[in-house]
Amino acid sequence: MEIKKIIYPSPDEDYNKLLFETKNKQVDFQFGTVFLKGGTRIPEKGFTKHDRYEISIIQKGKIEMLNEDGSTKEYLKEGDVVYIKAFEAQAGNVLEDTNIIYVLIK
């Protein structure tokens, strides 16, 4: 058993803080936290597509998630839980400083 405190990256660190990662024949997952600075876009240009399924919990903040045509898909805010399929395009405008807890599963 491993126990860790949930901590977020500081604004001057990388935006992602990996807390646990396991990869073997039965399981391949990552668990961590993210800090996104208000007024930024993730990614800066284009869209990200992960080869993993993602479950994220918005702990604080607000993000405008975008469709690939640039229109608004949804607003994510504190208390929302998000499921993103593997290889699903994702991008967003970070409207407020945002803290996220995530799990990536392959």
C-alpha atoms as a PDB file:
ATOM      1  CA  MET A   1       0.000   0.000   0.000  1.00  0.00           C
ATOM      2  CA  GLU A   2       1.201   3.504  -0.821  1.00  0.00           C
ATOM      3  CA  ILE A   3      -0.351   6.599   0.729  1.00  0.00           C
ATOM      4  CA  LYS A   4       0.270  10.128  -0.511  1.00  0.00           C
ATOM      5  CA  LYS A   5      -1.199  13.540   0.146  1.00  0.00           C
ATOM      6  CA  ILE A   6      -3.052  15.157  -2.740  1.00  0.00           C
ATOM      7  CA  ILE A   7      -0.822  18.048  -3.738  1.00  0.00           C
ATOM      8  CA  TYR A   8      -0.911  20.276  -6.801  1.00  0.00           C
ATOM      9  CA  PRO A   9       1.974  21.647  -8.815  1.00  0.00           C
ATOM     10  CA  SER A  10       2.876  25.219  -7.959  1.00  0.00           C
ATOM     11  CA  PRO A  11       2.466  27.823 -10.725  1.00  0.00           C
ATOM     12  CA  ASP A  12       6.237  27.777 -11.390  1.00  0.00           C
ATOM     13  CA  GLU A  13       6.408  23.948 -11.753  1.00  0.00           C
ATOM     14  CA  ASP A  14       5.231  21.747 -14.602  1.00  0.00           C
ATOM     15  CA  TYR A  15       1.420  21.768 -14.691  1.00  0.00           C
ATOM     16  CA  ASN A  16       1.189  18.004 -13.972  1.00  0.00           C
ATOM     17  CA  LYS A  17       2.175  16.233 -10.729  1.00  0.00           C
ATOM     18  CA  LEU A  18       2.144  12.446 -11.114  1.00  0.00           C
ATOM     19  CA  LEU A  19       1.286  10.800  -7.789  1.00  0.00           C
ATOM     20  CA  PHE A  20       1.070   7.087  -8.729  1.00  0.00           C
ATOM     21  CA  GLU A  21       1.867   5.086 -11.840  1.00  0.00           C
ATOM     22  CA  THR A  22       1.587   1.330 -12.334  1.00  0.00           C
ATOM     23  CA  LYS A  23       2.300  -0.580 -15.503  1.00  0.00           C
ATOM     24  CA  ASN A  24       2.340  -4.358 -15.749  1.00  0.00           C
ATOM     25  CA  LYS A  25       0.521  -7.106 -17.658  1.00  0.00           C
ATOM     26  CA  GLN A  26      -2.714  -6.605 -15.720  1.00  0.00           C
ATOM     27  CA  VAL A  27      -2.775  -2.843 -15.119  1.00  0.00           C
ATOM     28  CA  ASP A  28      -1.524   0.340 -16.779  1.00  0.00           C
ATOM     29  CA  PHE A  29      -2.644   3.565 -15.113  1.00  0.00           C
ATOM     30  CA  GLN A  30      -1.495   6.980 -13.949  1.00  0.00           C
ATOM     31  CA  PHE A  31      -2.973   9.089 -11.133  1.00  0.00           C
ATOM     32  CA  GLY A  32      -2.046  12.682 -10.442  1.00  0.00           C
ATOM     33  CA  THR A  33      -2.987  16.319 -10.175  1.00  0.00           C
ATOM     34  CA  VAL A  34      -2.891  19.239 -12.575  1.00  0.00           C
ATOM     35  CA  PHE A  35      -2.694  22.997 -12.034  1.00  0.00           C
ATOM     36  CA  LEU A  36      -3.808  25.152 -14.981  1.00  0.00           C
ATOM     37  CA  LYS A  37      -3.281  28.917 -14.925  1.00  0.00           C
ATOM     38  CA  GLY A  38      -6.314  31.080 -15.696  1.00  0.00           C
ATOM     39  CA  GLY A  39      -6.048  32.888 -19.024  1.00  0.00           C
ATOM     40  CA  THR A  40      -4.194  30.054 -20.783  1.00  0.00           C
ATOM     41  CA  ARG A  41      -5.271  27.515 -23.413  1.00  0.00           C
ATOM     42  CA  ILE A  42      -4.585  23.789 -23.164  1.00  0.00           C
ATOM     43  CA  PRO A  43      -2.834  22.876 -25.359  1.00  0.00           C
ATOM     44  CA  GLU A  44      -1.570  26.248 -26.624  1.00  0.00           C
ATOM     45  CA  LYS A  45      -2.539  25.258 -30.203  1.00  0.00           C
ATOM     46  CA  GLY A  46      -4.588  22.463 -31.694  1.00  0.00           C
ATOM     47  CA  PHE A  47      -5.969  19.506 -29.741  1.00  0.00           C
ATOM     48  CA  THR A  48      -4.550  16.739 -27.550  1.00  0.00           C
ATOM     49  CA  LYS A  49      -5.462  13.071 -28.021  1.00  0.00           C
ATOM     50  CA  HIS A  50      -4.354  10.594 -25.336  1.00  0.00           C
ATOM     51  CA  ASP A  51      -4.024   6.851 -25.919  1.00  0.00           C
ATOM     52  CA  ARG A  52      -5.674   6.317 -22.517  1.00  0.00           C
ATOM     53  CA  TYR A  53      -9.112   6.708 -21.002  1.00  0.00           C
ATOM     54  CA  GLU A  54      -9.287   9.646 -18.605  1.00  0.00           C
ATOM     55  CA  ILE A  55     -11.383  10.394 -15.548  1.00  0.00           C
ATOM     56  CA  SER A  56     -10.860  13.870 -14.099  1.00  0.00           C
ATOM     57  CA  ILE A  57     -12.365  15.671 -11.123  1.00  0.00           C
ATOM     58  CA  ILE A  58     -12.418  19.469 -11.216  1.00  0.00           C
ATOM     59  CA  GLN A  59     -11.494  20.489  -7.671  1.00  0.00           C
ATOM     60  CA  LYS A  60     -11.364  24.241  -8.281  1.00  0.00           C
ATOM     61  CA  GLY A  61     -11.665  26.590 -11.232  1.00  0.00           C
ATOM     62  CA  LYS A  62     -13.393  26.737 -14.597  1.00  0.00           C
ATOM     63  CA  ILE A  63     -12.488  25.572 -18.132  1.00  0.00           C
ATOM     64  CA  GLU A  64     -14.309  26.192 -21.405  1.00  0.00           C
ATOM     65  CA  MET A  65     -13.890  22.901 -23.316  1.00  0.00           C
ATOM     66  CA  LEU A  66     -13.818  23.239 -27.103  1.00  0.00           C
ATOM     67  CA  ASN A  67     -15.128  21.272 -30.078  1.00  0.00           C
ATOM     68  CA  GLU A  68     -12.678  20.719 -32.937  1.00  0.00           C
ATOM     69  CA  ASP A  69     -14.385  23.536 -34.903  1.00  0.00           C
ATOM     70  CA  GLY A  70     -13.547  25.952 -32.048  1.00  0.00           C
ATOM     71  CA  SER A  71     -17.082  26.201 -30.662  1.00  0.00           C
ATOM     72  CA  THR A  72     -17.817  25.678 -26.965  1.00  0.00           C
ATOM     73  CA  LYS A  73     -18.502  22.048 -26.029  1.00  0.00           C
ATOM     74  CA  GLU A  74     -19.055  22.483 -22.290  1.00  0.00           C
ATOM     75  CA  TYR A  75     -17.949  24.456 -19.240  1.00  0.00           C
ATOM     76  CA  LEU A  76     -16.201  22.428 -16.552  1.00  0.00           C
ATOM     77  CA  LYS A  77     -16.335  23.751 -13.004  1.00  0.00           C
ATOM     78  CA  GLU A  78     -15.688  22.760  -9.411  1.00  0.00           C
ATOM     79  CA  GLY A  79     -17.311  19.429  -8.533  1.00  0.00           C
ATOM     80  CA  ASP A  80     -17.592  18.151 -12.128  1.00  0.00           C
ATOM     81  CA  VAL A  81     -16.343  14.644 -12.963  1.00  0.00           C
ATOM     82  CA  VAL A  82     -15.292  14.152 -16.584  1.00  0.00           C
ATOM     83  CA  TYR A  83     -14.824  10.944 -18.580  1.00  0.00           C
ATOM     84  CA  ILE A  84     -12.830  11.226 -21.822  1.00  0.00           C
ATOM     85  CA  LYS A  85     -12.470   8.273 -24.186  1.00  0.00           C
ATOM     86  CA  ALA A  86      -9.061   7.232 -25.489  1.00  0.00           C
ATOM     87  CA  PHE A  87      -8.079   9.255 -28.589  1.00  0.00           C
ATOM     88  CA  GLU A  88     -10.912  11.768 -28.077  1.00  0.00           C
ATOM     89  CA  ALA A  89      -9.769  15.272 -29.091  1.00  0.00           C
ATOM     90  CA  GLN A  90      -9.600  17.737 -26.210  1.00  0.00           C
ATOM     91  CA  ALA A  91      -8.691  21.411 -25.775  1.00  0.00           C
ATOM     92  CA  GLY A  92      -9.938  24.243 -23.625  1.00  0.00           C
ATOM     93  CA  ASN A  93      -9.634  27.805 -22.469  1.00  0.00           C
ATOM     94  CA  VAL A  94      -8.731  27.981 -18.773  1.00  0.00           C
ATOM     95  CA  LEU A  95     -11.008  30.719 -17.429  1.00  0.00           C
ATOM     96  CA  GLU A  96      -9.842  30.551 -13.792  1.00  0.00           C
ATOM     97  CA  ASP A  97      -6.873  28.973 -12.004  1.00  0.00           C
ATOM     98  CA  THR A  98      -7.896  25.301 -11.997  1.00  0.00           C
ATOM     99  CA  ASN A  99      -6.940  22.240  -9.921  1.00  0.00           C
ATOM    100  CA  ILE A 100      -7.722  18.794 -11.335  1.00  0.00           C
ATOM    101  CA  ILE A 101      -7.317  15.245 -10.000  1.00  0.00           C
ATOM    102  CA  TYR A 102      -6.999  12.687 -12.804  1.00  0.00           C
ATOM    103  CA  VAL A 103      -6.690   8.977 -13.573  1.00  0.00           C
ATOM    104  CA  LEU A 104      -5.411   7.757 -16.960  1.00  0.00           C
ATOM    105  CA  ILE A 105      -6.183   4.101 -17.762  1.00  0.00           C
ATOM    106  CA  LYS A 106      -4.953   2.013 -20.681  1.00  0.00           C
END
